[in-house]
PDB file of all heavy atoms in Angstrom:
ATOM      1  N   THR A   1      21.883 -42.035  -3.719  1.00  0.00           N
ATOM      2  CA  THR A   1      20.453 -41.806  -3.913  1.00  0.00           C
ATOM      3  C   THR A   1      19.731 -43.128  -4.139  1.00  0.00           C
ATOM      4  O   THR A   1      18.643 -43.363  -3.597  1.00  0.00           O
ATOM      5  CB  THR A   1      20.216 -40.869  -5.114  1.00  0.00           C
ATOM      6  OG1 THR A   1      20.921 -39.643  -4.885  1.00  0.00           O
ATOM      7  CG2 THR A   1      18.737 -40.569  -5.286  1.00  0.00           C
ATOM      8  N   THR A   2      20.337 -44.011  -4.919  1.00  0.00           N
ATOM      9  CA  THR A   2      19.749 -45.321  -5.176  1.00  0.00           C
ATOM     10  C   THR A   2      19.706 -46.163  -3.912  1.00  0.00           C
ATOM     11  O   THR A   2      18.698 -46.812  -3.616  1.00  0.00           O
ATOM     12  CB  THR A   2      20.548 -46.068  -6.260  1.00  0.00           C
ATOM     13  OG1 THR A   2      20.553 -45.291  -7.464  1.00  0.00           O
ATOM     14  CG2 THR A   2      19.939 -47.427  -6.552  1.00  0.00           C
ATOM     15  N   GLU A   3      20.807 -46.139  -3.133  1.00  0.00           N
ATOM     16  CA  GLU A   3      20.877 -46.999  -1.946  1.00  0.00           C
ATOM     17  C   GLU A   3      20.075 -46.458  -0.778  1.00  0.00           C
ATOM     18  O   GLU A   3      19.372 -47.206  -0.095  1.00  0.00           O
ATOM     19  CB  GLU A   3      22.332 -47.190  -1.516  1.00  0.00           C
ATOM     20  CG  GLU A   3      22.464 -48.035  -0.258  1.00  0.00           C
ATOM     21  CD  GLU A   3      23.894 -48.350   0.133  1.00  0.00           C
ATOM     22  OE1 GLU A   3      24.787 -48.216  -0.729  1.00  0.00           O
ATOM     23  OE2 GLU A   3      24.122 -48.737   1.285  1.00  0.00           O
ATOM     24  N   LEU A   4      20.183 -45.155  -0.528  1.00  0.00           N
ATOM     25  CA  LEU A   4      19.596 -44.581   0.686  1.00  0.00           C
ATOM     26  C   LEU A   4      18.302 -43.817   0.444  1.00  0.00           C
ATOM     27  O   LEU A   4      17.414 -43.816   1.278  1.00  0.00           O
ATOM     28  CB  LEU A   4      20.613 -43.632   1.342  1.00  0.00           C
ATOM     29  CG  LEU A   4      21.980 -44.223   1.678  1.00  0.00           C
ATOM     30  CD1 LEU A   4      22.906 -43.134   2.194  1.00  0.00           C
ATOM     31  CD2 LEU A   4      21.857 -45.347   2.682  1.00  0.00           C
ATOM     32  N   GLY A   5      18.214 -43.157  -0.712  1.00  0.00           N
ATOM     33  CA  GLY A   5      17.128 -42.206  -0.911  1.00  0.00           C
ATOM     34  C   GLY A   5      15.756 -42.818  -1.032  1.00  0.00           C
ATOM     35  O   GLY A   5      14.756 -42.203  -0.632  1.00  0.00           O
ATOM     36  N   THR A   6      15.661 -44.012  -1.599  1.00  0.00           N
ATOM     37  CA  THR A   6      14.349 -44.614  -1.845  1.00  0.00           C
ATOM     38  C   THR A   6      13.879 -45.511  -0.710  1.00  0.00           C
ATOM     39  O   THR A   6      12.786 -46.069  -0.775  1.00  0.00           O
ATOM     40  CB  THR A   6      14.381 -45.444  -3.141  1.00  0.00           C
ATOM     41  OG1 THR A   6      15.391 -46.439  -3.023  1.00  0.00           O
ATOM     42  CG2 THR A   6      14.674 -44.572  -4.348  1.00  0.00           C
ATOM     43  N   ASP A   7      14.675 -45.663   0.356  1.00  0.00           N
ATOM     44  CA  ASP A   7      14.326 -46.587   1.433  1.00  0.00           C
ATOM     45  C   ASP A   7      12.958 -46.282   2.038  1.00  0.00           C
ATOM     46  O   ASP A   7      12.160 -47.186   2.295  1.00  0.00           O
ATOM     47  CB  ASP A   7      15.385 -46.551   2.539  1.00  0.00           C
ATOM     48  CG  ASP A   7      16.567 -47.453   2.207  1.00  0.00           C
ATOM     49  OD1 ASP A   7      16.481 -48.188   1.207  1.00  0.00           O
ATOM     50  OD2 ASP A   7      17.568 -47.413   2.933  1.00  0.00           O
ATOM     51  N   SER A   8      12.688 -45.009   2.321  1.00  0.00           N
ATOM     52  CA  SER A   8      11.422 -44.656   2.974  1.00  0.00           C
ATOM     53  C   SER A   8      10.235 -44.971   2.066  1.00  0.00           C
ATOM     54  O   SER A   8       9.190 -45.419   2.522  1.00  0.00           O
ATOM     55  CB  SER A   8      11.412 -43.180   3.365  1.00  0.00           C
ATOM     56  OG  SER A   8      11.520 -42.351   2.224  1.00  0.00           O
ATOM     57  N   TRP A   9      10.399 -44.746   0.756  1.00  0.00           N
ATOM     58  CA  TRP A   9       9.321 -45.069  -0.182  1.00  0.00           C
ATOM     59  C   TRP A   9       9.028 -46.563  -0.168  1.00  0.00           C
ATOM     60  O   TRP A   9       7.873 -46.984  -0.105  1.00  0.00           O
ATOM     61  CB  TRP A   9       9.728 -44.704  -1.609  1.00  0.00           C
ATOM     62  CG  TRP A   9       9.843 -43.256  -1.892  1.00  0.00           C
ATOM     63  CD1 TRP A   9       9.763 -42.225  -0.998  1.00  0.00           C
ATOM     64  CD2 TRP A   9      10.082 -42.674  -3.170  1.00  0.00           C
ATOM     65  NE1 TRP A   9       9.948 -41.030  -1.647  1.00  0.00           N
ATOM     66  CE2 TRP A   9      10.138 -41.287  -2.975  1.00  0.00           C
ATOM     67  CE3 TRP A   9      10.254 -43.193  -4.435  1.00  0.00           C
ATOM     68  CZ2 TRP A   9      10.368 -40.394  -4.019  1.00  0.00           C
ATOM     69  CZ3 TRP A   9      10.475 -42.318  -5.484  1.00  0.00           C
ATOM     70  CH2 TRP A   9      10.527 -40.929  -5.269  1.00  0.00           C
ATOM     71  N   ILE A  10      10.071 -47.366  -0.266  1.00  0.00           N
ATOM     72  CA  ILE A  10       9.880 -48.810  -0.345  1.00  0.00           C
ATOM     73  C   ILE A  10       9.290 -49.345   0.947  1.00  0.00           C
ATOM     74  O   ILE A  10       8.440 -50.236   0.943  1.00  0.00           O
ATOM     75  CB  ILE A  10      11.213 -49.496  -0.696  1.00  0.00           C
ATOM     76  CG1 ILE A  10      11.620 -49.078  -2.118  1.00  0.00           C
ATOM     77  CG2 ILE A  10      11.115 -51.000  -0.589  1.00  0.00           C
ATOM     78  CD1 ILE A  10      13.012 -49.440  -2.497  1.00  0.00           C
ATOM     79  N   THR A  11       9.714 -48.772   2.082  1.00  0.00           N
ATOM     80  CA  THR A  11       9.114 -49.157   3.359  1.00  0.00           C
ATOM     81  C   THR A  11       7.628 -48.833   3.372  1.00  0.00           C
ATOM     82  O   THR A  11       6.798 -49.641   3.807  1.00  0.00           O
ATOM     83  CB  THR A  11       9.831 -48.439   4.519  1.00  0.00           C
ATOM     84  OG1 THR A  11      11.205 -48.807   4.526  1.00  0.00           O
ATOM     85  CG2 THR A  11       9.203 -48.826   5.858  1.00  0.00           C
ATOM     86  N   ASP A  12       7.255 -47.648   2.880  1.00  0.00           N
ATOM     87  CA  ASP A  12       5.845 -47.263   2.813  1.00  0.00           C
ATOM     88  C   ASP A  12       5.043 -48.224   1.934  1.00  0.00           C
ATOM     89  O   ASP A  12       3.910 -48.580   2.257  1.00  0.00           O
ATOM     90  CB  ASP A  12       5.697 -45.840   2.261  1.00  0.00           C
ATOM     91  CG  ASP A  12       6.170 -44.788   3.256  1.00  0.00           C
ATOM     92  OD1 ASP A  12       6.304 -45.119   4.439  1.00  0.00           O
ATOM     93  OD2 ASP A  12       6.407 -43.640   2.831  1.00  0.00           O
ATOM     94  N   LEU A  13       5.624 -48.640   0.802  1.00  0.00           N
ATOM     95  CA  LEU A  13       4.927 -49.537  -0.115  1.00  0.00           C
ATOM     96  C   LEU A  13       4.791 -50.946   0.470  1.00  0.00           C
ATOM     97  O   LEU A  13       3.794 -51.638   0.243  1.00  0.00           O
ATOM     98  CB  LEU A  13       5.662 -49.600  -1.454  1.00  0.00           C
ATOM     99  CG  LEU A  13       5.644 -48.331  -2.312  1.00  0.00           C
ATOM    100  CD1 LEU A  13       6.573 -48.494  -3.504  1.00  0.00           C
ATOM    101  CD2 LEU A  13       4.238 -48.003  -2.767  1.00  0.00           C
ATOM    102  N   MET A  14       5.800 -51.372   1.216  1.00  0.00           N
ATOM    103  CA  MET A  14       5.802 -52.729   1.748  1.00  0.00           C
ATOM    104  C   MET A  14       4.991 -52.868   3.028  1.00  0.00           C
ATOM    105  O   MET A  14       4.466 -53.944   3.316  1.00  0.00           O
ATOM    106  CB  MET A  14       7.240 -53.198   2.008  1.00  0.00           C
ATOM    107  CG  MET A  14       8.037 -53.480   0.748  1.00  0.00           C
ATOM    108  SD  MET A  14       9.731 -54.002   1.127  1.00  0.00           S
ATOM    109  CE  MET A  14       9.448 -55.560   1.943  1.00  0.00           C
ATOM    110  N   THR A  15       4.886 -51.802   3.819  1.00  0.00           N
ATOM    111  CA  THR A  15       4.231 -51.887   5.125  1.00  0.00           C
ATOM    112  C   THR A  15       2.804 -52.425   5.044  1.00  0.00           C
ATOM    113  O   THR A  15       2.435 -53.325   5.823  1.00  0.00           O
ATOM    114  CB  THR A  15       4.262 -50.526   5.828  1.00  0.00           C
ATOM    115  OG1 THR A  15       5.629 -50.174   6.073  1.00  0.00           O
ATOM    116  CG2 THR A  15       3.526 -50.574   7.160  1.00  0.00           C
ATOM    117  N   PRO A  16       1.946 -51.912   4.143  1.00  0.00           N
ATOM    118  CA  PRO A  16       0.584 -52.466   4.076  1.00  0.00           C
ATOM    119  C   PRO A  16       0.573 -53.955   3.722  1.00  0.00           C
ATOM    120  O   PRO A  16      -0.265 -54.706   4.226  1.00  0.00           O
ATOM    121  CB  PRO A  16      -0.080 -51.628   2.966  1.00  0.00           C
ATOM    122  CG  PRO A  16       0.714 -50.388   2.890  1.00  0.00           C
ATOM    123  CD  PRO A  16       2.112 -50.792   3.200  1.00  0.00           C
ATOM    124  N   GLU A  17       1.497 -54.361   2.852  1.00  0.00           N
ATOM    125  CA  GLU A  17       1.536 -55.771   2.465  1.00  0.00           C
ATOM    126  C   GLU A  17       2.010 -56.647   3.626  1.00  0.00           C
ATOM    127  O   GLU A  17       1.523 -57.761   3.806  1.00  0.00           O
ATOM    128  CB  GLU A  17       2.454 -55.967   1.249  1.00  0.00           C
ATOM    129  CG  GLU A  17       2.121 -55.083   0.062  1.00  0.00           C
ATOM    130  CD  GLU A  17       0.669 -55.212  -0.365  1.00  0.00           C
ATOM    131  OE1 GLU A  17       0.128 -56.336  -0.277  1.00  0.00           O
ATOM    132  OE2 GLU A  17       0.083 -54.207  -0.781  1.00  0.00           O
ATOM    133  N   MET A  18       2.960 -56.138   4.406  1.00  0.00           N
ATOM    134  CA  MET A  18       3.409 -56.865   5.593  1.00  0.00           C
ATOM    135  C   MET A  18       2.282 -56.959   6.618  1.00  0.00           C
ATOM    136  O   MET A  18       2.127 -57.968   7.304  1.00  0.00           O
ATOM    137  CB  MET A  18       4.631 -56.176   6.211  1.00  0.00           C
ATOM    138  CG  MET A  18       5.855 -56.112   5.313  1.00  0.00           C
ATOM    139  SD  MET A  18       6.649 -57.703   5.050  1.00  0.00           S
ATOM    140  CE  MET A  18       7.633 -57.827   6.551  1.00  0.00           C
ATOM    141  N   ALA A  19       1.482 -55.885   6.712  1.00  0.00           N
ATOM    142  CA  ALA A  19       0.373 -55.872   7.659  1.00  0.00           C
ATOM    143  C   ALA A  19      -0.654 -56.958   7.316  1.00  0.00           C
ATOM    144  O   ALA A  19      -1.285 -57.542   8.210  1.00  0.00           O
ATOM    145  CB  ALA A  19      -0.298 -54.505   7.673  1.00  0.00           C
ATOM    146  N   LYS A  20      -0.823 -57.235   6.022  1.00  0.00           N
ATOM    147  CA  LYS A  20      -1.793 -58.249   5.605  1.00  0.00           C
ATOM    148  C   LYS A  20      -1.427 -59.638   6.103  1.00  0.00           C
ATOM    149  O   LYS A  20      -2.293 -60.502   6.260  1.00  0.00           O
ATOM    150  CB  LYS A  20      -1.901 -58.267   4.077  1.00  0.00           C
ATOM    151  CG  LYS A  20      -2.577 -57.030   3.492  1.00  0.00           C
ATOM    152  CD  LYS A  20      -2.578 -57.076   1.976  1.00  0.00           C
ATOM    153  CE  LYS A  20      -3.187 -55.795   1.399  1.00  0.00           C
ATOM    154  NZ  LYS A  20      -3.143 -55.798  -0.091  1.00  0.00           N
ATOM    155  N   VAL A  21      -0.129 -59.871   6.316  1.00  0.00           N
ATOM    156  CA  VAL A  21       0.291 -61.176   6.827  1.00  0.00           C
ATOM    157  C   VAL A  21       0.645 -61.102   8.313  1.00  0.00           C
ATOM    158  O   VAL A  21       1.306 -61.990   8.849  1.00  0.00           O
ATOM    159  CB  VAL A  21       1.487 -61.719   6.018  1.00  0.00           C
ATOM    160  CG1 VAL A  21       1.055 -62.056   4.610  1.00  0.00           C
ATOM    161  CG2 VAL A  21       2.649 -60.730   5.994  1.00  0.00           C
ATOM    162  N   GLY A  22       0.220 -60.024   8.969  1.00  0.00           N
ATOM    163  CA  GLY A  22       0.319 -59.930  10.419  1.00  0.00           C
ATOM    164  C   GLY A  22       1.610 -59.388  10.980  1.00  0.00           C
ATOM    165  O   GLY A  22       1.907 -59.597  12.163  1.00  0.00           O
ATOM    166  N   PHE A  23       2.402 -58.681  10.176  1.00  0.00           N
ATOM    167  CA  PHE A  23       3.663 -58.129  10.660  1.00  0.00           C
ATOM    168  C   PHE A  23       3.576 -56.615  10.753  1.00  0.00           C
ATOM    169  O   PHE A  23       2.890 -55.964   9.961  1.00  0.00           O
ATOM    170  CB  PHE A  23       4.825 -58.506   9.738  1.00  0.00           C
ATOM    171  CG  PHE A  23       5.197 -59.954   9.788  1.00  0.00           C
ATOM    172  CD1 PHE A  23       4.834 -60.813   8.769  1.00  0.00           C
ATOM    173  CD2 PHE A  23       5.905 -60.456  10.864  1.00  0.00           C
ATOM    174  CE1 PHE A  23       5.174 -62.152   8.814  1.00  0.00           C
ATOM    175  CE2 PHE A  23       6.253 -61.795  10.919  1.00  0.00           C
ATOM    176  CZ  PHE A  23       5.884 -62.650   9.890  1.00  0.00           C
ATOM    177  N   GLN A  24       4.308 -56.042  11.734  1.00  0.00           N
ATOM    178  CA  GLN A  24       4.387 -54.593  11.874  1.00  0.00           C
ATOM    179  C   GLN A  24       5.304 -54.018  10.796  1.00  0.00           C
ATOM    180  O   GLN A  24       6.155 -54.710  10.240  1.00  0.00           O
ATOM    181  CB  GLN A  24       4.934 -54.209  13.247  1.00  0.00           C
ATOM    182  CG  GLN A  24       4.067 -54.654  14.415  1.00  0.00           C
ATOM    183  CD  GLN A  24       4.678 -54.297  15.760  1.00  0.00           C
ATOM    184  OE1 GLN A  24       5.678 -53.593  15.817  1.00  0.00           O
ATOM    185  NE2 GLN A  24       4.094 -54.783  16.826  1.00  0.00           N
ATOM    186  N   GLY A  25       5.119 -52.713  10.546  1.00  0.00           N
ATOM    187  CA  GLY A  25       5.934 -52.050   9.537  1.00  0.00           C
ATOM    188  C   GLY A  25       7.418 -52.097   9.844  1.00  0.00           C
ATOM    189  O   GLY A  25       8.253 -52.131   8.936  1.00  0.00           O
TER     190      GLY A  25
END
């Protein structure tokens, strides 16, 4: 659960921040 379960959440949280520096999700 720790390794696999939270991946989608963390990707969702990081995607907008990556977008600010010009990277795709």
